[in-house]
């Protein structure tokens, strides 16, 4: 998930310290985008795969993310993103 690495990198900008909830949201959004690029569209399958990814990688991502700087504008941009490239531009 290349977008996950970009998400951590953008958090170094000005703003407020990212919360666990915001980091969880970033992880989930990035995972959803990655799955959709793989043509996975079934909501249950997406949820199952995100849960599996969170078990495998979620704590490490959140550990690198929590406390890093994030802006409300960047968060809103990520929420609207539908591709990894859009996420990258948000950050």
PDB file of N, CA and C in Angstrom:
ATOM      1  N   UNK A   1       0.820  -1.178   0.000  1.00  0.00           N
ATOM      2  CA  UNK A   1       0.000   0.000   0.000  1.00  0.00           C
ATOM      3  C   UNK A   1       0.870   1.250   0.000  1.00  0.00           C
ATOM      4  N   UNK A   2       1.278   1.696  -1.180  1.00  0.00           N
ATOM      5  CA  UNK A   2       2.134   2.869  -1.281  1.00  0.00           C
ATOM      6  C   UNK A   2       1.499   4.117  -0.683  1.00  0.00           C
ATOM      7  N   UNK A   3       0.194   4.248  -0.785  1.00  0.00           N
ATOM      8  CA  UNK A   3      -0.461   5.433  -0.243  1.00  0.00           C
ATOM      9  C   UNK A   3      -0.305   5.525   1.268  1.00  0.00           C
ATOM     10  N   UNK A   4      -0.159   4.397   1.940  1.00  0.00           N
ATOM     11  CA  UNK A   4       0.050   4.431   3.390  1.00  0.00           C
ATOM     12  C   UNK A   4       1.343   5.146   3.733  1.00  0.00           C
ATOM     13  N   UNK A   5       2.387   4.888   2.969  1.00  0.00           N
ATOM     14  CA  UNK A   5       3.657   5.559   3.209  1.00  0.00           C
ATOM     15  C   UNK A   5       3.527   7.051   2.974  1.00  0.00           C
ATOM     16  N   UNK A   6       2.801   7.415   1.955  1.00  0.00           N
ATOM     17  CA  UNK A   6       2.583   8.832   1.682  1.00  0.00           C
ATOM     18  C   UNK A   6       1.783   9.486   2.798  1.00  0.00           C
ATOM     19  N   UNK A   7       0.820   8.759   3.341  1.00  0.00           N
ATOM     20  CA  UNK A   7       0.009   9.305   4.427  1.00  0.00           C
ATOM     21  C   UNK A   7       0.855   9.651   5.630  1.00  0.00           C
ATOM     22  N   UNK A   8       1.794   8.794   5.975  1.00  0.00           N
ATOM     23  CA  UNK A   8       2.664   9.080   7.112  1.00  0.00           C
ATOM     24  C   UNK A   8       3.545  10.276   6.799  1.00  0.00           C
ATOM     25  N   UNK A   9       4.034  10.376   5.581  1.00  0.00           N
ATOM     26  CA  UNK A   9       4.923  11.468   5.207  1.00  0.00           C
ATOM     27  C   UNK A   9       4.226  12.819   5.295  1.00  0.00           C
ATOM     28  N   UNK A  10       2.964  12.893   4.893  1.00  0.00           N
ATOM     29  CA  UNK A  10       2.285  14.178   4.901  1.00  0.00           C
ATOM     30  C   UNK A  10       2.022  14.674   6.307  1.00  0.00           C
ATOM     31  N   UNK A  11       2.003  13.798   7.255  1.00  0.00           N
ATOM     32  CA  UNK A  11       1.671  14.195   8.607  1.00  0.00           C
ATOM     33  C   UNK A  11       2.725  15.092   9.246  1.00  0.00           C
ATOM     34  N   UNK A  12       3.863  15.251   8.608  1.00  0.00           N
ATOM     35  CA  UNK A  12       4.914  16.106   9.143  1.00  0.00           C
ATOM     36  C   UNK A  12       4.608  17.594   8.928  1.00  0.00           C
ATOM     37  N   UNK A  13       3.600  17.918   8.142  1.00  0.00           N
ATOM     38  CA  UNK A  13       3.256  19.310   7.855  1.00  0.00           C
ATOM     39  C   UNK A  13       2.629  19.982   9.081  1.00  0.00           C
ATOM     40  N   UNK A  14       2.307  21.282   8.942  1.00  0.00           N
ATOM     41  CA  UNK A  14       1.677  21.992  10.055  1.00  0.00           C
ATOM     42  C   UNK A  14       0.272  21.455  10.292  1.00  0.00           C
ATOM     43  N   UNK A  15      -0.351  21.851  11.358  1.00  0.00           N
ATOM     44  CA  UNK A  15      -1.682  21.382  11.699  1.00  0.00           C
ATOM     45  C   UNK A  15      -1.724  20.968  13.146  1.00  0.00           C
ATOM     46  N   UNK A  16      -2.471  19.943  13.437  1.00  0.00           N
ATOM     47  CA  UNK A  16      -2.572  19.440  14.811  1.00  0.00           C
ATOM     48  C   UNK A  16      -2.031  18.012  14.858  1.00  0.00           C
ATOM     49  N   UNK A  17      -1.711  17.526  16.053  1.00  0.00           N
ATOM     50  CA  UNK A  17      -1.247  16.138  16.160  1.00  0.00           C
ATOM     51  C   UNK A  17      -2.379  15.179  15.785  1.00  0.00           C
ATOM     52  N   UNK A  18      -2.081  14.247  14.911  1.00  0.00           N
ATOM     53  CA  UNK A  18      -3.089  13.274  14.475  1.00  0.00           C
ATOM     54  C   UNK A  18      -3.497  12.373  15.638  1.00  0.00           C
ATOM     55  N   UNK A  19      -4.782  12.121  15.723  1.00  0.00           N
ATOM     56  CA  UNK A  19      -5.320  11.229  16.746  1.00  0.00           C
ATOM     57  C   UNK A  19      -5.337   9.797  16.238  1.00  0.00           C
ATOM     58  N   UNK A  20      -5.541   8.872  17.137  1.00  0.00           N
ATOM     59  CA  UNK A  20      -5.656   7.470  16.736  1.00  0.00           C
ATOM     60  C   UNK A  20      -6.830   7.289  15.767  1.00  0.00           C
ATOM     61  N   UNK A  21      -7.920   7.978  16.038  1.00  0.00           N
ATOM     62  CA  UNK A  21      -9.097   7.859  15.176  1.00  0.00           C
ATOM     63  C   UNK A  21      -8.800   8.364  13.766  1.00  0.00           C
ATOM     64  N   UNK A  22      -8.074   9.487  13.660  1.00  0.00           N
ATOM     65  CA  UNK A  22      -7.721  10.015  12.349  1.00  0.00           C
ATOM     66  C   UNK A  22      -6.780   9.055  11.619  1.00  0.00           C
ATOM     67  N   UNK A  23      -5.843   8.494  12.347  1.00  0.00           N
ATOM     68  CA  UNK A  23      -4.911   7.533  11.735  1.00  0.00           C
ATOM     69  C   UNK A  23      -5.642   6.270  11.296  1.00  0.00           C
ATOM     70  N   UNK A  24      -6.588   5.808  12.098  1.00  0.00           N
ATOM     71  CA  UNK A  24      -7.403   4.655  11.697  1.00  0.00           C
ATOM     72  C   UNK A  24      -8.189   4.974  10.427  1.00  0.00           C
ATOM     73  N   UNK A  25      -8.718   6.195  10.366  1.00  0.00           N
ATOM     74  CA  UNK A  25      -9.473   6.612   9.180  1.00  0.00           C
ATOM     75  C   UNK A  25      -8.576   6.641   7.943  1.00  0.00           C
ATOM     76  N   UNK A  26      -7.358   7.165   8.088  1.00  0.00           N
ATOM     77  CA  UNK A  26      -6.415   7.188   6.966  1.00  0.00           C
ATOM     78  C   UNK A  26      -6.075   5.781   6.502  1.00  0.00           C
ATOM     79  N   UNK A  27      -5.841   4.888   7.459  1.00  0.00           N
ATOM     80  CA  UNK A  27      -5.529   3.500   7.120  1.00  0.00           C
ATOM     81  C   UNK A  27      -6.678   2.874   6.341  1.00  0.00           C
ATOM     82  N   UNK A  28      -7.884   3.052   6.848  1.00  0.00           N
ATOM     83  CA  UNK A  28      -9.065   2.470   6.211  1.00  0.00           C
ATOM     84  C   UNK A  28      -9.266   3.028   4.805  1.00  0.00           C
ATOM     85  N   UNK A  29      -9.150   4.339   4.658  1.00  0.00           N
ATOM     86  CA  UNK A  29      -9.345   4.970   3.348  1.00  0.00           C
ATOM     87  C   UNK A  29      -8.322   4.452   2.340  1.00  0.00           C
ATOM     88  N   UNK A  30      -7.072   4.380   2.761  1.00  0.00           N
ATOM     89  CA  UNK A  30      -6.034   3.882   1.870  1.00  0.00           C
ATOM     90  C   UNK A  30      -6.279   2.425   1.481  1.00  0.00           C
ATOM     91  N   UNK A  31      -6.699   1.620   2.433  1.00  0.00           N
ATOM     92  CA  UNK A  31      -6.983   0.214   2.145  1.00  0.00           C
ATOM     93  C   UNK A  31      -8.163   0.081   1.183  1.00  0.00           C
ATOM     94  N   UNK A  32      -9.206   0.876   1.390  1.00  0.00           N
ATOM     95  CA  UNK A  32     -10.362   0.845   0.489  1.00  0.00           C
ATOM     96  C   UNK A  32      -9.952   1.201  -0.935  1.00  0.00           C
ATOM     97  N   UNK A  33      -9.171   2.251  -1.071  1.00  0.00           N
ATOM     98  CA  UNK A  33      -8.727   2.665  -2.405  1.00  0.00           C
ATOM     99  C   UNK A  33      -7.899   1.568  -3.053  1.00  0.00           C
ATOM    100  N   UNK A  34      -6.989   0.982  -2.300  1.00  0.00           N
ATOM    101  CA  UNK A  34      -6.153  -0.098  -2.840  1.00  0.00           C
ATOM    102  C   UNK A  34      -7.012  -1.277  -3.305  1.00  0.00           C
ATOM    103  N   UNK A  35      -7.991  -1.651  -2.502  1.00  0.00           N
ATOM    104  CA  UNK A  35      -8.852  -2.777  -2.873  1.00  0.00           C
ATOM    105  C   UNK A  35      -9.678  -2.458  -4.120  1.00  0.00           C
ATOM    106  N   UNK A  36     -10.171  -1.252  -4.204  1.00  0.00           N
ATOM    107  CA  UNK A  36     -10.962  -0.880  -5.383  1.00  0.00           C
ATOM    108  C   UNK A  36     -10.102  -0.863  -6.648  1.00  0.00           C
ATOM    109  N   UNK A  37      -8.824  -0.521  -6.527  1.00  0.00           N
ATOM    110  CA  UNK A  37      -7.943  -0.588  -7.708  1.00  0.00           C
ATOM    111  C   UNK A  37      -7.721  -2.036  -8.132  1.00  0.00           C
ATOM    112  N   UNK A  38      -7.922  -2.959  -7.189  1.00  0.00           N
ATOM    113  CA  UNK A  38      -7.825  -4.388  -7.490  1.00  0.00           C
ATOM    114  C   UNK A  38      -9.174  -4.957  -7.925  1.00  0.00           C
ATOM    115  N   UNK A  39     -10.127  -4.070  -8.163  1.00  0.00           N
ATOM    116  CA  UNK A  39     -11.479  -4.443  -8.630  1.00  0.00           C
ATOM    117  C   UNK A  39     -12.290  -5.195  -7.577  1.00  0.00           C
ATOM    118  N   UNK A  40     -11.975  -5.000  -6.310  1.00  0.00           N
ATOM    119  CA  UNK A  40     -12.760  -5.580  -5.221  1.00  0.00           C
ATOM    120  C   UNK A  40     -13.850  -4.568  -4.895  1.00  0.00           C
ATOM    121  N   UNK A  41     -15.119  -4.972  -5.066  1.00  0.00           N
ATOM    122  CA  UNK A  41     -16.230  -4.039  -4.862  1.00  0.00           C
ATOM    123  C   UNK A  41     -17.247  -4.521  -3.827  1.00  0.00           C
ATOM    124  N   UNK A  42     -17.205  -5.790  -3.479  1.00  0.00           N
ATOM    125  CA  UNK A  42     -18.149  -6.333  -2.511  1.00  0.00           C
ATOM    126  C   UNK A  42     -17.876  -5.735  -1.132  1.00  0.00           C
ATOM    127  N   UNK A  43     -18.855  -5.028  -0.542  1.00  0.00           N
ATOM    128  CA  UNK A  43     -18.632  -4.371   0.749  1.00  0.00           C
ATOM    129  C   UNK A  43     -18.173  -5.331   1.863  1.00  0.00           C
ATOM    130  N   UNK A  44     -18.722  -6.532   1.900  1.00  0.00           N
ATOM    131  CA  UNK A  44     -18.320  -7.492   2.937  1.00  0.00           C
ATOM    132  C   UNK A  44     -16.873  -7.921   2.739  1.00  0.00           C
ATOM    133  N   UNK A  45     -16.501  -8.198   1.496  1.00  0.00           N
ATOM    134  CA  UNK A  45     -15.128  -8.588   1.207  1.00  0.00           C
ATOM    135  C   UNK A  45     -14.165  -7.443   1.523  1.00  0.00           C
ATOM    136  N   UNK A  46     -14.551  -6.221   1.192  1.00  0.00           N
ATOM    137  CA  UNK A  46     -13.719  -5.054   1.521  1.00  0.00           C
ATOM    138  C   UNK A  46     -13.531  -4.964   3.028  1.00  0.00           C
ATOM    139  N   UNK A  47     -14.617  -5.082   3.774  1.00  0.00           N
ATOM    140  CA  UNK A  47     -14.534  -5.012   5.236  1.00  0.00           C
ATOM    141  C   UNK A  47     -13.643  -6.117   5.802  1.00  0.00           C
ATOM    142  N   UNK A  48     -13.796  -7.323   5.270  1.00  0.00           N
ATOM    143  CA  UNK A  48     -12.979  -8.449   5.740  1.00  0.00           C
ATOM    144  C   UNK A  48     -11.500  -8.224   5.453  1.00  0.00           C
ATOM    145  N   UNK A  49     -11.209  -7.747   4.259  1.00  0.00           N
ATOM    146  CA  UNK A  49      -9.799  -7.533   3.886  1.00  0.00           C
ATOM    147  C   UNK A  49      -9.185  -6.369   4.657  1.00  0.00           C
ATOM    148  N   UNK A  50      -9.973  -5.335   4.910  1.00  0.00           N
ATOM    149  CA  UNK A  50      -9.461  -4.214   5.713  1.00  0.00           C
ATOM    150  C   UNK A  50      -9.175  -4.694   7.129  1.00  0.00           C
ATOM    151  N   UNK A  51     -10.061  -5.513   7.664  1.00  0.00           N
ATOM    152  CA  UNK A  51      -9.837  -6.060   9.014  1.00  0.00           C
ATOM    153  C   UNK A  51      -8.563  -6.894   9.053  1.00  0.00           C
ATOM    154  N   UNK A  52      -8.337  -7.692   8.018  1.00  0.00           N
ATOM    155  CA  UNK A  52      -7.116  -8.507   7.957  1.00  0.00           C
ATOM    156  C   UNK A  52      -5.881  -7.623   7.833  1.00  0.00           C
ATOM    157  N   UNK A  53      -5.959  -6.585   6.996  1.00  0.00           N
ATOM    158  CA  UNK A  53      -4.826  -5.665   6.835  1.00  0.00           C
ATOM    159  C   UNK A  53      -4.554  -4.917   8.133  1.00  0.00           C
ATOM    160  N   UNK A  54      -5.626  -4.531   8.816  1.00  0.00           N
ATOM    161  CA  UNK A  54      -5.463  -3.828  10.093  1.00  0.00           C
ATOM    162  C   UNK A  54      -4.773  -4.736  11.100  1.00  0.00           C
ATOM    163  N   UNK A  55      -5.127  -6.012  11.118  1.00  0.00           N
ATOM    164  CA  UNK A  55      -4.477  -6.957  12.030  1.00  0.00           C
ATOM    165  C   UNK A  55      -2.995  -7.094  11.721  1.00  0.00           C
ATOM    166  N   UNK A  56      -2.667  -7.102  10.438  1.00  0.00           N
ATOM    167  CA  UNK A  56      -1.279  -7.301  10.017  1.00  0.00           C
ATOM    168  C   UNK A  56      -0.441  -6.029  10.086  1.00  0.00           C
ATOM    169  N   UNK A  57      -1.011  -4.893   9.697  1.00  0.00           N
ATOM    170  CA  UNK A  57      -0.234  -3.666   9.530  1.00  0.00           C
ATOM    171  C   UNK A  57      -0.762  -2.464  10.299  1.00  0.00           C
ATOM    172  N   UNK A  58      -1.974  -2.541  10.778  1.00  0.00           N
ATOM    173  CA  UNK A  58      -2.641  -1.383  11.361  1.00  0.00           C
ATOM    174  C   UNK A  58      -1.928  -0.769  12.541  1.00  0.00           C
ATOM    175  N   UNK A  59      -1.486  -1.583  13.490  1.00  0.00           N
ATOM    176  CA  UNK A  59      -0.822  -1.037  14.672  1.00  0.00           C
ATOM    177  C   UNK A  59       0.476  -0.335  14.314  1.00  0.00           C
ATOM    178  N   UNK A  60       1.226  -0.894  13.383  1.00  0.00           N
ATOM    179  CA  UNK A  60       2.484  -0.264  12.966  1.00  0.00           C
ATOM    180  C   UNK A  60       2.207   1.078  12.295  1.00  0.00           C
ATOM    181  N   UNK A  61       1.193   1.110  11.421  1.00  0.00           N
ATOM    182  CA  UNK A  61       0.849   2.369  10.750  1.00  0.00           C
ATOM    183  C   UNK A  61       0.401   3.405  11.774  1.00  0.00           C
ATOM    184  N   UNK A  62      -0.500   3.013  12.656  1.00  0.00           N
ATOM    185  CA  UNK A  62      -1.013   3.948  13.651  1.00  0.00           C
ATOM    186  C   UNK A  62       0.129   4.435  14.553  1.00  0.00           C
ATOM    187  N   UNK A  63       1.046   3.546  14.893  1.00  0.00           N
ATOM    188  CA  UNK A  63       2.185   3.937  15.717  1.00  0.00           C
ATOM    189  C   UNK A  63       3.051   4.991  15.052  1.00  0.00           C
ATOM    190  N   UNK A  64       3.185   4.916  13.731  1.00  0.00           N
ATOM    191  CA  UNK A  64       3.962   5.918  12.996  1.00  0.00           C
ATOM    192  C   UNK A  64       3.162   7.190  12.754  1.00  0.00           C
ATOM    193  N   UNK A  65       1.859   7.085  12.833  1.00  0.00           N
ATOM    194  CA  UNK A  65       0.968   8.182  12.463  1.00  0.00           C
ATOM    195  C   UNK A  65       0.560   9.051  13.655  1.00  0.00           C
ATOM    196  N   UNK A  66       0.156   8.447  14.757  1.00  0.00           N
ATOM    197  CA  UNK A  66      -0.369   9.200  15.903  1.00  0.00           C
ATOM    198  C   UNK A  66       0.657  10.230  16.359  1.00  0.00           C
ATOM    199  N   UNK A  67       0.177  11.460  16.528  1.00  0.00           N
ATOM    200  CA  UNK A  67       1.024  12.534  17.006  1.00  0.00           C
ATOM    201  C   UNK A  67       1.705  13.328  15.911  1.00  0.00           C
ATOM    202  N   UNK A  68       1.726  12.794  14.683  1.00  0.00           N
ATOM    203  CA  UNK A  68       2.286  13.547  13.566  1.00  0.00           C
ATOM    204  C   UNK A  68       1.312  14.672  13.222  1.00  0.00           C
ATOM    205  N   UNK A  69       1.818  15.708  12.602  1.00  0.00           N
ATOM    206  CA  UNK A  69       0.978  16.863  12.275  1.00  0.00           C
ATOM    207  C   UNK A  69       0.073  16.556  11.085  1.00  0.00           C
ATOM    208  N   UNK A  70      -1.185  16.997  11.208  1.00  0.00           N
ATOM    209  CA  UNK A  70      -2.157  16.835  10.124  1.00  0.00           C
ATOM    210  C   UNK A  70      -3.031  18.079  10.093  1.00  0.00           C
ATOM    211  N   UNK A  71      -3.401  18.496   8.910  1.00  0.00           N
ATOM    212  CA  UNK A  71      -4.270  19.661   8.783  1.00  0.00           C
ATOM    213  C   UNK A  71      -5.695  19.204   8.496  1.00  0.00           C
ATOM    214  N   UNK A  72      -6.669  19.985   8.929  1.00  0.00           N
ATOM    215  CA  UNK A  72      -8.056  19.655   8.598  1.00  0.00           C
ATOM    216  C   UNK A  72      -8.276  19.602   7.085  1.00  0.00           C
ATOM    217  N   UNK A  73      -7.603  20.480   6.349  1.00  0.00           N
ATOM    218  CA  UNK A  73      -7.745  20.501   4.895  1.00  0.00           C
ATOM    219  C   UNK A  73      -7.247  19.201   4.269  1.00  0.00           C
ATOM    220  N   UNK A  74      -6.109  18.706   4.734  1.00  0.00           N
ATOM    221  CA  UNK A  74      -5.572  17.451   4.201  1.00  0.00           C
ATOM    222  C   UNK A  74      -6.505  16.286   4.520  1.00  0.00           C
ATOM    223  N   UNK A  75      -7.044  16.263   5.728  1.00  0.00           N
ATOM    224  CA  UNK A  75      -7.973  15.191   6.108  1.00  0.00           C
ATOM    225  C   UNK A  75      -9.209  15.209   5.219  1.00  0.00           C
ATOM    226  N   UNK A  76      -9.775  16.381   4.993  1.00  0.00           N
ATOM    227  CA  UNK A  76     -10.962  16.478   4.136  1.00  0.00           C
ATOM    228  C   UNK A  76     -10.641  16.033   2.721  1.00  0.00           C
ATOM    229  N   UNK A  77      -9.489  16.419   2.244  1.00  0.00           N
ATOM    230  CA  UNK A  77      -9.078  16.025   0.898  1.00  0.00           C
ATOM    231  C   UNK A  77      -8.971  14.504   0.790  1.00  0.00           C
ATOM    232  N   UNK A  78      -8.361  13.871   1.775  1.00  0.00           N
ATOM    233  CA  UNK A  78      -8.239  12.413   1.771  1.00  0.00           C
ATOM    234  C   UNK A  78      -9.613  11.767   1.818  1.00  0.00           C
ATOM    235  N   UNK A  79     -10.507  12.322   2.593  1.00  0.00           N
ATOM    236  CA  UNK A  79     -11.861  11.758   2.690  1.00  0.00           C
ATOM    237  C   UNK A  79     -12.569  11.766   1.348  1.00  0.00           C
ATOM    238  N   UNK A  80     -12.297  12.760   0.526  1.00  0.00           N
ATOM    239  CA  UNK A  80     -12.945  12.861  -0.794  1.00  0.00           C
ATOM    240  C   UNK A  80     -12.217  12.056  -1.867  1.00  0.00           C
ATOM    241  N   UNK A  81     -10.991  11.667  -1.620  1.00  0.00           N
ATOM    242  CA  UNK A  81     -10.173  10.990  -2.632  1.00  0.00           C
ATOM    243  C   UNK A  81     -10.775   9.643  -3.027  1.00  0.00           C
ATOM    244  N   UNK A  82     -10.604   9.333  -4.303  1.00  0.00           N
ATOM    245  CA  UNK A  82     -11.073   8.030  -4.809  1.00  0.00           C
ATOM    246  C   UNK A  82      -9.938   7.233  -5.442  1.00  0.00           C
ATOM    247  N   UNK A  83      -8.743   7.837  -5.524  1.00  0.00           N
ATOM    248  CA  UNK A  83      -7.579   7.129  -6.070  1.00  0.00           C
ATOM    249  C   UNK A  83      -6.361   7.409  -5.203  1.00  0.00           C
ATOM    250  N   UNK A  84      -5.381   6.556  -5.328  1.00  0.00           N
ATOM    251  CA  UNK A  84      -4.132   6.754  -4.609  1.00  0.00           C
ATOM    252  C   UNK A  84      -3.440   8.044  -5.026  1.00  0.00           C
ATOM    253  N   UNK A  85      -3.544   8.395  -6.299  1.00  0.00           N
ATOM    254  CA  UNK A  85      -2.942   9.634  -6.789  1.00  0.00           C
ATOM    255  C   UNK A  85      -3.585  10.847  -6.135  1.00  0.00           C
ATOM    256  N   UNK A  86      -4.899  10.797  -5.952  1.00  0.00           N
ATOM    257  CA  UNK A  86      -5.584  11.906  -5.274  1.00  0.00           C
ATOM    258  C   UNK A  86      -5.118  12.012  -3.828  1.00  0.00           C
ATOM    259  N   UNK A  87      -4.975  10.878  -3.148  1.00  0.00           N
ATOM    260  CA  UNK A  87      -4.473  10.891  -1.775  1.00  0.00           C
ATOM    261  C   UNK A  87      -3.092  11.522  -1.745  1.00  0.00           C
ATOM    262  N   UNK A  88      -2.241  11.125  -2.665  1.00  0.00           N
ATOM    263  CA  UNK A  88      -0.887  11.691  -2.731  1.00  0.00           C
ATOM    264  C   UNK A  88      -0.932  13.210  -2.887  1.00  0.00           C
ATOM    265  N   UNK A  89      -1.832  13.713  -3.726  1.00  0.00           N
ATOM    266  CA  UNK A  89      -1.937  15.172  -3.926  1.00  0.00           C
ATOM    267  C   UNK A  89      -2.453  15.865  -2.664  1.00  0.00           C
ATOM    268  N   UNK A  90      -3.276  15.166  -1.885  1.00  0.00           N
ATOM    269  CA  UNK A  90      -3.788  15.753  -0.634  1.00  0.00           C
ATOM    270  C   UNK A  90      -2.657  15.986   0.359  1.00  0.00           C
ATOM    271  N   UNK A  91      -1.677  15.126   0.279  1.00  0.00           N
ATOM    272  CA  UNK A  91      -0.636  15.127   1.279  1.00  0.00           C
ATOM    273  C   UNK A  91       0.541  15.913   0.807  1.00  0.00           C
TER     274      UNK A  91
END
